[in-house]
Amino acid sequence: MVAVGGAVLNGRAENLSSGGAGLRLEETVAEGTNIAVRFLTPHLQDFACIDVTAKVLYSTLTSGTPPYRIGVRFVGANAEAKRRIAALIGD
C-alpha cells in the first residue's frame, strides 16, 4: 500500500532490498515525491506489515500488471522496519 497526498494506492513490491524497492501500481507517482509505503507480509510469523517512507526515483509505464513500475529509495525507516526488511529478504 502506498499513501501519497490523500490517496492510497494498492500494488505489489518487486526487487525489495534494504535500500529501496520496485513497486507495481495502477497509477503513476511523480519522480521526487515522498510517499509512505506499507508492505503487508502475512506469510511471516513475526510481523504482518512493514512501514517506511520512500522517495520516488522513477516511474515507468510497462506492459505488466499493474502497469506502472515505480522505483523508490527508502528515506525513513526505523530500526524495527530495517530488521523486518532484512528478515523478509533473507539478509
PDB file of N, CA and C in Angstrom:
ATOM      1  N   MET A   1       0.854  -1.176   0.000  1.00  0.00           N
ATOM      2  CA  MET A   1       0.000   0.000   0.000  1.00  0.00           C
ATOM      3  C   MET A   1       0.893   1.229   0.000  1.00  0.00           C
ATOM      4  N   VAL A   2       0.506   2.215  -0.799  1.00  0.00           N
ATOM      5  CA  VAL A   2       1.260   3.458  -0.904  1.00  0.00           C
ATOM      6  C   VAL A   2       0.325   4.617  -0.601  1.00  0.00           C
ATOM      7  N   ALA A   3       0.725   5.471   0.325  1.00  0.00           N
ATOM      8  CA  ALA A   3      -0.032   6.690   0.616  1.00  0.00           C
ATOM      9  C   ALA A   3       0.723   7.858   0.011  1.00  0.00           C
ATOM     10  N   VAL A   4       0.021   8.597  -0.842  1.00  0.00           N
ATOM     11  CA  VAL A   4       0.612   9.772  -1.476  1.00  0.00           C
ATOM     12  C   VAL A   4      -0.459  10.844  -1.527  1.00  0.00           C
ATOM     13  N   GLY A   5      -0.163  11.990  -0.914  1.00  0.00           N
ATOM     14  CA  GLY A   5      -1.199  13.010  -0.786  1.00  0.00           C
ATOM     15  C   GLY A   5      -2.346  12.442   0.028  1.00  0.00           C
ATOM     16  N   GLY A   6      -3.549  12.556  -0.455  1.00  0.00           N
ATOM     17  CA  GLY A   6      -4.707  11.988   0.230  1.00  0.00           C
ATOM     18  C   GLY A   6      -5.134  10.643  -0.314  1.00  0.00           C
ATOM     19  N   ALA A   7      -4.362  10.097  -1.263  1.00  0.00           N
ATOM     20  CA  ALA A   7      -4.745   8.839  -1.907  1.00  0.00           C
ATOM     21  C   ALA A   7      -3.982   7.653  -1.328  1.00  0.00           C
ATOM     22  N   VAL A   8      -4.622   6.497  -1.354  1.00  0.00           N
ATOM     23  CA  VAL A   8      -3.975   5.238  -1.005  1.00  0.00           C
ATOM     24  C   VAL A   8      -4.039   4.348  -2.241  1.00  0.00           C
ATOM     25  N   LEU A   9      -2.872   3.892  -2.690  1.00  0.00           N
ATOM     26  CA  LEU A   9      -2.769   3.042  -3.868  1.00  0.00           C
ATOM     27  C   LEU A   9      -2.339   1.650  -3.438  1.00  0.00           C
ATOM     28  N   ASN A  10      -2.973   0.648  -3.993  1.00  0.00           N
ATOM     29  CA  ASN A  10      -2.575  -0.728  -3.729  1.00  0.00           C
ATOM     30  C   ASN A  10      -1.727  -1.234  -4.880  1.00  0.00           C
ATOM     31  N   GLY A  11      -0.791  -2.087  -4.568  1.00  0.00           N
ATOM     32  CA  GLY A  11       0.072  -2.649  -5.591  1.00  0.00           C
ATOM     33  C   GLY A  11       0.861  -3.802  -5.028  1.00  0.00           C
ATOM     34  N   ARG A  12       2.022  -4.033  -5.599  1.00  0.00           N
ATOM     35  CA  ARG A  12       2.896  -5.092  -5.090  1.00  0.00           C
ATOM     36  C   ARG A  12       4.340  -4.665  -5.245  1.00  0.00           C
ATOM     37  N   ALA A  13       5.192  -5.270  -4.448  1.00  0.00           N
ATOM     38  CA  ALA A  13       6.616  -4.935  -4.461  1.00  0.00           C
ATOM     39  C   ALA A  13       7.386  -5.934  -5.304  1.00  0.00           C
ATOM     40  N   GLU A  14       8.433  -5.432  -5.951  1.00  0.00           N
ATOM     41  CA  GLU A  14       9.385  -6.257  -6.682  1.00  0.00           C
ATOM     42  C   GLU A  14      10.779  -5.797  -6.282  1.00  0.00           C
ATOM     43  N   ASN A  15      11.714  -6.705  -6.300  1.00  0.00           N
ATOM     44  CA  ASN A  15      13.119  -6.344  -6.070  1.00  0.00           C
ATOM     45  C   ASN A  15      13.329  -5.561  -4.781  1.00  0.00           C
ATOM     46  N   LEU A  16      12.770  -6.053  -3.709  1.00  0.00           N
ATOM     47  CA  LEU A  16      12.936  -5.416  -2.405  1.00  0.00           C
ATOM     48  C   LEU A  16      14.369  -5.594  -1.919  1.00  0.00           C
ATOM     49  N   SER A  17      14.966  -4.492  -1.455  1.00  0.00           N
ATOM     50  CA  SER A  17      16.304  -4.536  -0.869  1.00  0.00           C
ATOM     51  C   SER A  17      16.297  -3.702   0.400  1.00  0.00           C
ATOM     52  N   SER A  18      17.424  -3.648   1.065  1.00  0.00           N
ATOM     53  CA  SER A  18      17.494  -2.851   2.291  1.00  0.00           C
ATOM     54  C   SER A  18      17.424  -1.349   1.997  1.00  0.00           C
ATOM     55  N   GLY A  19      17.686  -0.949   0.761  1.00  0.00           N
ATOM     56  CA  GLY A  19      17.701   0.468   0.426  1.00  0.00           C
ATOM     57  C   GLY A  19      16.518   0.978  -0.369  1.00  0.00           C
ATOM     58  N   GLY A  20      15.698   0.065  -0.893  1.00  0.00           N
ATOM     59  CA  GLY A  20      14.570   0.505  -1.705  1.00  0.00           C
ATOM     60  C   GLY A  20      13.839  -0.662  -2.327  1.00  0.00           C
ATOM     61  N   ALA A  21      12.992  -0.336  -3.313  1.00  0.00           N
ATOM     62  CA  ALA A  21      12.186  -1.375  -3.943  1.00  0.00           C
ATOM     63  C   ALA A  21      11.639  -0.891  -5.274  1.00  0.00           C
ATOM     64  N   GLY A  22      11.193  -1.832  -6.050  1.00  0.00           N
ATOM     65  CA  GLY A  22      10.383  -1.544  -7.219  1.00  0.00           C
ATOM     66  C   GLY A  22       8.944  -1.832  -6.835  1.00  0.00           C
ATOM     67  N   LEU A  23       8.057  -0.910  -7.098  1.00  0.00           N
ATOM     68  CA  LEU A  23       6.649  -1.086  -6.760  1.00  0.00           C
ATOM     69  C   LEU A  23       5.833  -1.130  -8.036  1.00  0.00           C
ATOM     70  N   ARG A  24       4.858  -2.005  -8.118  1.00  0.00           N
ATOM     71  CA  ARG A  24       3.925  -2.064  -9.241  1.00  0.00           C
ATOM     72  C   ARG A  24       2.617  -1.449  -8.776  1.00  0.00           C
ATOM     73  N   LEU A  25       2.193  -0.382  -9.452  1.00  0.00           N
ATOM     74  CA  LEU A  25       0.982   0.334  -9.074  1.00  0.00           C
ATOM     75  C   LEU A  25       0.084   0.557 -10.290  1.00  0.00           C
ATOM     76  N   GLU A  26      -1.187   0.800 -10.045  1.00  0.00           N
ATOM     77  CA  GLU A  26      -2.150   1.102 -11.104  1.00  0.00           C
ATOM     78  C   GLU A  26      -2.019   2.532 -11.608  1.00  0.00           C
ATOM     79  N   GLU A  27      -1.435   3.407 -10.793  1.00  0.00           N
ATOM     80  CA  GLU A  27      -1.277   4.818 -11.151  1.00  0.00           C
ATOM     81  C   GLU A  27       0.180   5.220 -11.010  1.00  0.00           C
ATOM     82  N   THR A  28       0.564   6.246 -11.747  1.00  0.00           N
ATOM     83  CA  THR A  28       1.926   6.747 -11.644  1.00  0.00           C
ATOM     84  C   THR A  28       2.058   7.680 -10.438  1.00  0.00           C
ATOM     85  N   VAL A  29       3.279   7.835  -9.977  1.00  0.00           N
ATOM     86  CA  VAL A  29       3.611   8.793  -8.921  1.00  0.00           C
ATOM     87  C   VAL A  29       4.811   9.576  -9.435  1.00  0.00           C
ATOM     88  N   ALA A  30       4.766  10.881  -9.318  1.00  0.00           N
ATOM     89  CA  ALA A  30       5.808  11.740  -9.880  1.00  0.00           C
ATOM     90  C   ALA A  30       7.163  11.517  -9.228  1.00  0.00           C
ATOM     91  N   GLU A  31       8.205  11.568 -10.044  1.00  0.00           N
ATOM     92  CA  GLU A  31       9.579  11.485  -9.560  1.00  0.00           C
ATOM     93  C   GLU A  31       9.823  12.579  -8.532  1.00  0.00           C
ATOM     94  N   GLY A  32      10.515  12.218  -7.451  1.00  0.00           N
ATOM     95  CA  GLY A  32      10.829  13.172  -6.392  1.00  0.00           C
ATOM     96  C   GLY A  32       9.792  13.235  -5.281  1.00  0.00           C
ATOM     97  N   THR A  33       8.648  12.577  -5.477  1.00  0.00           N
ATOM     98  CA  THR A  33       7.590  12.588  -4.472  1.00  0.00           C
ATOM     99  C   THR A  33       7.963  11.708  -3.290  1.00  0.00           C
ATOM    100  N   ASN A  34       7.734  12.194  -2.078  1.00  0.00           N
ATOM    101  CA  ASN A  34       7.894  11.364  -0.884  1.00  0.00           C
ATOM    102  C   ASN A  34       6.571  10.654  -0.620  1.00  0.00           C
ATOM    103  N   ILE A  35       6.656   9.366  -0.349  1.00  0.00           N
ATOM    104  CA  ILE A  35       5.469   8.545  -0.130  1.00  0.00           C
ATOM    105  C   ILE A  35       5.639   7.701   1.124  1.00  0.00           C
ATOM    106  N   ALA A  36       4.524   7.286   1.682  1.00  0.00           N
ATOM    107  CA  ALA A  36       4.530   6.323   2.780  1.00  0.00           C
ATOM    108  C   ALA A  36       4.198   4.962   2.180  1.00  0.00           C
ATOM    109  N   VAL A  37       4.968   3.950   2.530  1.00  0.00           N
ATOM    110  CA  VAL A  37       4.779   2.610   1.980  1.00  0.00           C
ATOM    111  C   VAL A  37       4.540   1.636   3.126  1.00  0.00           C
ATOM    112  N   ARG A  38       3.535   0.804   2.968  1.00  0.00           N
ATOM    113  CA  ARG A  38       3.280  -0.281   3.923  1.00  0.00           C
ATOM    114  C   ARG A  38       3.365  -1.593   3.155  1.00  0.00           C
ATOM    115  N   PHE A  39       4.355  -2.404   3.518  1.00  0.00           N
ATOM    116  CA  PHE A  39       4.484  -3.734   2.950  1.00  0.00           C
ATOM    117  C   PHE A  39       3.704  -4.702   3.839  1.00  0.00           C
ATOM    118  N   LEU A  40       2.730  -5.377   3.275  1.00  0.00           N
ATOM    119  CA  LEU A  40       1.961  -6.377   4.013  1.00  0.00           C
ATOM    120  C   LEU A  40       2.623  -7.724   3.794  1.00  0.00           C
ATOM    121  N   THR A  41       2.972  -8.394   4.893  1.00  0.00           N
ATOM    122  CA  THR A  41       3.720  -9.643   4.813  1.00  0.00           C
ATOM    123  C   THR A  41       3.070 -10.718   5.674  1.00  0.00           C
ATOM    124  N   PRO A  42       1.880 -11.166   5.316  1.00  0.00           N
ATOM    125  CA  PRO A  42       1.166 -12.121   6.173  1.00  0.00           C
ATOM    126  C   PRO A  42       1.818 -13.498   6.265  1.00  0.00           C
ATOM    127  N   HIS A  43       2.758 -13.804   5.388  1.00  0.00           N
ATOM    128  CA  HIS A  43       3.402 -15.119   5.423  1.00  0.00           C
ATOM    129  C   HIS A  43       4.510 -15.207   6.461  1.00  0.00           C
ATOM    130  N   LEU A  44       4.889 -14.100   7.070  1.00  0.00           N
ATOM    131  CA  LEU A  44       5.905 -14.126   8.119  1.00  0.00           C
ATOM    132  C   LEU A  44       5.235 -14.131   9.483  1.00  0.00           C
ATOM    133  N   GLN A  45       5.670 -14.997  10.360  1.00  0.00           N
ATOM    134  CA  GLN A  45       5.033 -15.144  11.665  1.00  0.00           C
ATOM    135  C   GLN A  45       5.354 -13.996  12.615  1.00  0.00           C
ATOM    136  N   ASP A  46       6.512 -13.377  12.486  1.00  0.00           N
ATOM    137  CA  ASP A  46       6.933 -12.348  13.434  1.00  0.00           C
ATOM    138  C   ASP A  46       6.195 -11.022  13.292  1.00  0.00           C
ATOM    139  N   PHE A  47       5.660 -10.734  12.103  1.00  0.00           N
ATOM    140  CA  PHE A  47       5.030  -9.442  11.884  1.00  0.00           C
ATOM    141  C   PHE A  47       4.141  -9.499  10.650  1.00  0.00           C
ATOM    142  N   ALA A  48       3.204  -8.579  10.570  1.00  0.00           N
ATOM    143  CA  ALA A  48       2.261  -8.555   9.453  1.00  0.00           C
ATOM    144  C   ALA A  48       2.539  -7.433   8.470  1.00  0.00           C
ATOM    145  N   CYS A  49       3.235  -6.369   8.894  1.00  0.00           N
ATOM    146  CA  CYS A  49       3.491  -5.265   7.972  1.00  0.00           C
ATOM    147  C   CYS A  49       4.794  -4.555   8.325  1.00  0.00           C
ATOM    148  N   ILE A  50       5.285  -3.814   7.316  1.00  0.00           N
ATOM    149  CA  ILE A  50       6.492  -3.005   7.472  1.00  0.00           C
ATOM    150  C   ILE A  50       6.159  -1.626   6.933  1.00  0.00           C
ATOM    151  N   ASP A  51       6.373  -0.593   7.730  1.00  0.00           N
ATOM    152  CA  ASP A  51       6.080   0.776   7.318  1.00  0.00           C
ATOM    153  C   ASP A  51       7.374   1.560   7.129  1.00  0.00           C
ATOM    154  N   VAL A  52       7.511   2.212   5.965  1.00  0.00           N
ATOM    155  CA  VAL A  52       8.673   3.050   5.666  1.00  0.00           C
ATOM    156  C   VAL A  52       8.212   4.283   4.895  1.00  0.00           C
ATOM    157  N   THR A  53       9.077   5.275   4.824  1.00  0.00           N
ATOM    158  CA  THR A  53       8.864   6.377   3.891  1.00  0.00           C
ATOM    159  C   THR A  53       9.908   6.233   2.792  1.00  0.00           C
ATOM    160  N   ALA A  54       9.532   6.679   1.609  1.00  0.00           N
ATOM    161  CA  ALA A  54      10.406   6.497   0.458  1.00  0.00           C
ATOM    162  C   ALA A  54      10.292   7.685  -0.487  1.00  0.00           C
ATOM    163  N   LYS A  55      11.312   7.831  -1.319  1.00  0.00           N
ATOM    164  CA  LYS A  55      11.310   8.869  -2.350  1.00  0.00           C
ATOM    165  C   LYS A  55      11.250   8.183  -3.704  1.00  0.00           C
ATOM    166  N   VAL A  56      10.357   8.669  -4.575  1.00  0.00           N
ATOM    167  CA  VAL A  56      10.206   8.095  -5.907  1.00  0.00           C
ATOM    168  C   VAL A  56      11.383   8.527  -6.775  1.00  0.00           C
ATOM    169  N   LEU A  57      12.107   7.543  -7.326  1.00  0.00           N
ATOM    170  CA  LEU A  57      13.237   7.822  -8.199  1.00  0.00           C
ATOM    171  C   LEU A  57      12.811   7.847  -9.667  1.00  0.00           C
ATOM    172  N   TYR A  58      11.860   6.992 -10.029  1.00  0.00           N
ATOM    173  CA  TYR A  58      11.359   6.956 -11.400  1.00  0.00           C
ATOM    174  C   TYR A  58       9.998   6.272 -11.438  1.00  0.00           C
ATOM    175  N   SER A  59       9.291   6.520 -12.526  1.00  0.00           N
ATOM    176  CA  SER A  59       8.009   5.858 -12.788  1.00  0.00           C
ATOM    177  C   SER A  59       7.970   5.522 -14.268  1.00  0.00           C
ATOM    178  N   THR A  60       7.726   4.250 -14.565  1.00  0.00           N
ATOM    179  CA  THR A  60       7.732   3.781 -15.944  1.00  0.00           C
ATOM    180  C   THR A  60       6.453   3.025 -16.244  1.00  0.00           C
ATOM    181  N   LEU A  61       5.830   3.339 -17.373  1.00  0.00           N
ATOM    182  CA  LEU A  61       4.669   2.590 -17.844  1.00  0.00           C
ATOM    183  C   LEU A  61       5.176   1.329 -18.529  1.00  0.00           C
ATOM    184  N   THR A  62       4.668   0.171 -18.107  1.00  0.00           N
ATOM    185  CA  THR A  62       5.106  -1.107 -18.669  1.00  0.00           C
ATOM    186  C   THR A  62       3.899  -1.843 -19.240  1.00  0.00           C
ATOM    187  N   SER A  63       4.148  -2.995 -19.812  1.00  0.00           N
ATOM    188  CA  SER A  63       3.058  -3.838 -20.295  1.00  0.00           C
ATOM    189  C   SER A  63       2.604  -4.815 -19.214  1.00  0.00           C
ATOM    190  N   GLY A  64       3.195  -4.724 -18.029  1.00  0.00           N
ATOM    191  CA  GLY A  64       2.867  -5.632 -16.937  1.00  0.00           C
ATOM    192  C   GLY A  64       1.599  -5.223 -16.199  1.00  0.00           C
ATOM    193  N   THR A  65       1.288  -5.993 -15.180  1.00  0.00           N
ATOM    194  CA  THR A  65       0.122  -5.727 -14.348  1.00  0.00           C
ATOM    195  C   THR A  65       0.566  -5.727 -12.895  1.00  0.00           C
ATOM    196  N   PRO A  66       0.256  -4.692 -12.163  1.00  0.00           N
ATOM    197  CA  PRO A  66      -0.200  -3.362 -12.564  1.00  0.00           C
ATOM    198  C   PRO A  66       0.790  -2.706 -13.518  1.00  0.00           C
ATOM    199  N   PRO A  67       0.342  -1.716 -14.287  1.00  0.00           N
ATOM    200  CA  PRO A  67       1.149  -1.221 -15.402  1.00  0.00           C
ATOM    201  C   PRO A  67       2.316  -0.298 -15.057  1.00  0.00           C
ATOM    202  N   TYR A  68       2.300   0.362 -13.912  1.00  0.00           N
ATOM    203  CA  TYR A  68       3.384   1.293 -13.590  1.00  0.00           C
ATOM    204  C   TYR A  68       4.402   0.648 -12.668  1.00  0.00           C
ATOM    205  N   ARG A  69       5.674   0.785 -13.029  1.00  0.00           N
ATOM    206  CA  ARG A  69       6.753   0.336 -12.159  1.00  0.00           C
ATOM    207  C   ARG A  69       7.389   1.582 -11.581  1.00  0.00           C
ATOM    208  N   ILE A  70       7.354   1.680 -10.247  1.00  0.00           N
ATOM    209  CA  ILE A  70       7.844   2.842  -9.523  1.00  0.00           C
ATOM    210  C   ILE A  70       9.086   2.416  -8.738  1.00  0.00           C
ATOM    211  N   GLY A  71      10.211   3.056  -9.007  1.00  0.00           N
ATOM    212  CA  GLY A  71      11.432   2.780  -8.253  1.00  0.00           C
ATOM    213  C   GLY A  71      11.526   3.738  -7.084  1.00  0.00           C
ATOM    214  N   VAL A  72      11.729   3.209  -5.884  1.00  0.00           N
ATOM    215  CA  VAL A  72      11.805   4.056  -4.700  1.00  0.00           C
ATOM    216  C   VAL A  72      13.066   3.760  -3.893  1.00  0.00           C
ATOM    217  N   ARG A  73      13.537   4.805  -3.208  1.00  0.00           N
ATOM    218  CA  ARG A  73      14.639   4.682  -2.250  1.00  0.00           C
ATOM    219  C   ARG A  73      14.070   4.985  -0.881  1.00  0.00           C
ATOM    220  N   PHE A  74      14.340   4.113   0.077  1.00  0.00           N
ATOM    221  CA  PHE A  74      13.858   4.342   1.431  1.00  0.00           C
ATOM    222  C   PHE A  74      14.592   5.536   2.037  1.00  0.00           C
ATOM    223  N   VAL A  75      13.819   6.461   2.595  1.00  0.00           N
ATOM    224  CA  VAL A  75      14.410   7.643   3.230  1.00  0.00           C
ATOM    225  C   VAL A  75      14.050   7.720   4.709  1.00  0.00           C
ATOM    226  N   GLY A  76      13.153   6.867   5.144  1.00  0.00           N
ATOM    227  CA  GLY A  76      12.764   6.843   6.543  1.00  0.00           C
ATOM    228  C   GLY A  76      12.304   5.458   6.938  1.00  0.00           C
ATOM    229  N   ALA A  77      13.098   4.823   7.775  1.00  0.00           N
ATOM    230  CA  ALA A  77      12.744   3.502   8.295  1.00  0.00           C
ATOM    231  C   ALA A  77      13.399   3.369   9.658  1.00  0.00           C
ATOM    232  N   ASN A  78      12.597   3.067  10.663  1.00  0.00           N
ATOM    233  CA  ASN A  78      13.189   2.898  11.988  1.00  0.00           C
ATOM    234  C   ASN A  78      13.916   1.561  12.070  1.00  0.00           C
ATOM    235  N   ALA A  79      14.605   1.320  13.157  1.00  0.00           N
ATOM    236  CA  ALA A  79      15.411   0.105  13.321  1.00  0.00           C
ATOM    237  C   ALA A  79      14.561  -1.148  13.184  1.00  0.00           C
ATOM    238  N   GLU A  80      13.340  -1.120  13.697  1.00  0.00           N
ATOM    239  CA  GLU A  80      12.468  -2.289  13.602  1.00  0.00           C
ATOM    240  C   GLU A  80      12.066  -2.557  12.149  1.00  0.00           C
ATOM    241  N   ALA A  81      11.751  -1.524  11.411  1.00  0.00           N
ATOM    242  CA  ALA A  81      11.410  -1.701   9.993  1.00  0.00           C
ATOM    243  C   ALA A  81      12.603  -2.259   9.223  1.00  0.00           C
ATOM    244  N   LYS A  82      13.795  -1.767   9.518  1.00  0.00           N
ATOM    245  CA  LYS A  82      15.006  -2.269   8.858  1.00  0.00           C
ATOM    246  C   LYS A  82      15.228  -3.740   9.189  1.00  0.00           C
ATOM    247  N   ARG A  83      14.995  -4.119  10.448  1.00  0.00           N
ATOM    248  CA  ARG A  83      15.146  -5.522  10.853  1.00  0.00           C
ATOM    249  C   ARG A  83      14.140  -6.397  10.114  1.00  0.00           C
ATOM    250  N   ARG A  84      12.921  -5.904   9.975  1.00  0.00           N
ATOM    251  CA  ARG A  84      11.879  -6.668   9.285  1.00  0.00           C
ATOM    252  C   ARG A  84      12.181  -6.821   7.805  1.00  0.00           C
ATOM    253  N   ILE A  85      12.698  -5.778   7.187  1.00  0.00           N
ATOM    254  CA  ILE A  85      13.068  -5.885   5.771  1.00  0.00           C
ATOM    255  C   ILE A  85      14.184  -6.899   5.600  1.00  0.00           C
ATOM    256  N   ALA A  86      15.184  -6.850   6.482  1.00  0.00           N
ATOM    257  CA  ALA A  86      16.292  -7.811   6.411  1.00  0.00           C
ATOM    258  C   ALA A  86      15.776  -9.239   6.561  1.00  0.00           C
ATOM    259  N   ALA A  87      14.822  -9.466   7.466  1.00  0.00           N
ATOM    260  CA  ALA A  87      14.240 -10.797   7.639  1.00  0.00           C
ATOM    261  C   ALA A  87      13.458 -11.207   6.404  1.00  0.00           C
ATOM    262  N   LEU A  88      12.756 -10.281   5.824  1.00  0.00           N
ATOM    263  CA  LEU A  88      11.951 -10.584   4.646  1.00  0.00           C
ATOM    264  C   LEU A  88      12.799 -10.953   3.444  1.00  0.00           C
ATOM    265  N   ILE A  89      13.925 -10.265   3.249  1.00  0.00           N
ATOM    266  CA  ILE A  89      14.767 -10.547   2.089  1.00  0.00           C
ATOM    267  C   ILE A  89      15.859 -11.575   2.391  1.00  0.00           C
ATOM    268  N   GLY A  90      15.933 -12.018   3.630  1.00  0.00           N
ATOM    269  CA  GLY A  90      16.875 -13.066   3.986  1.00  0.00           C
ATOM    270  C   GLY A  90      18.296 -12.578   4.245  1.00  0.00           C
ATOM    271  N   ASP A  91      18.440 -11.330   4.635  1.00  0.00           N
ATOM    272  CA  ASP A  91      19.772 -10.801   4.980  1.00  0.00           C
ATOM    273  C   ASP A  91      20.152 -11.173   6.394  1.00  0.00           C
TER     274      ASP A  91
END
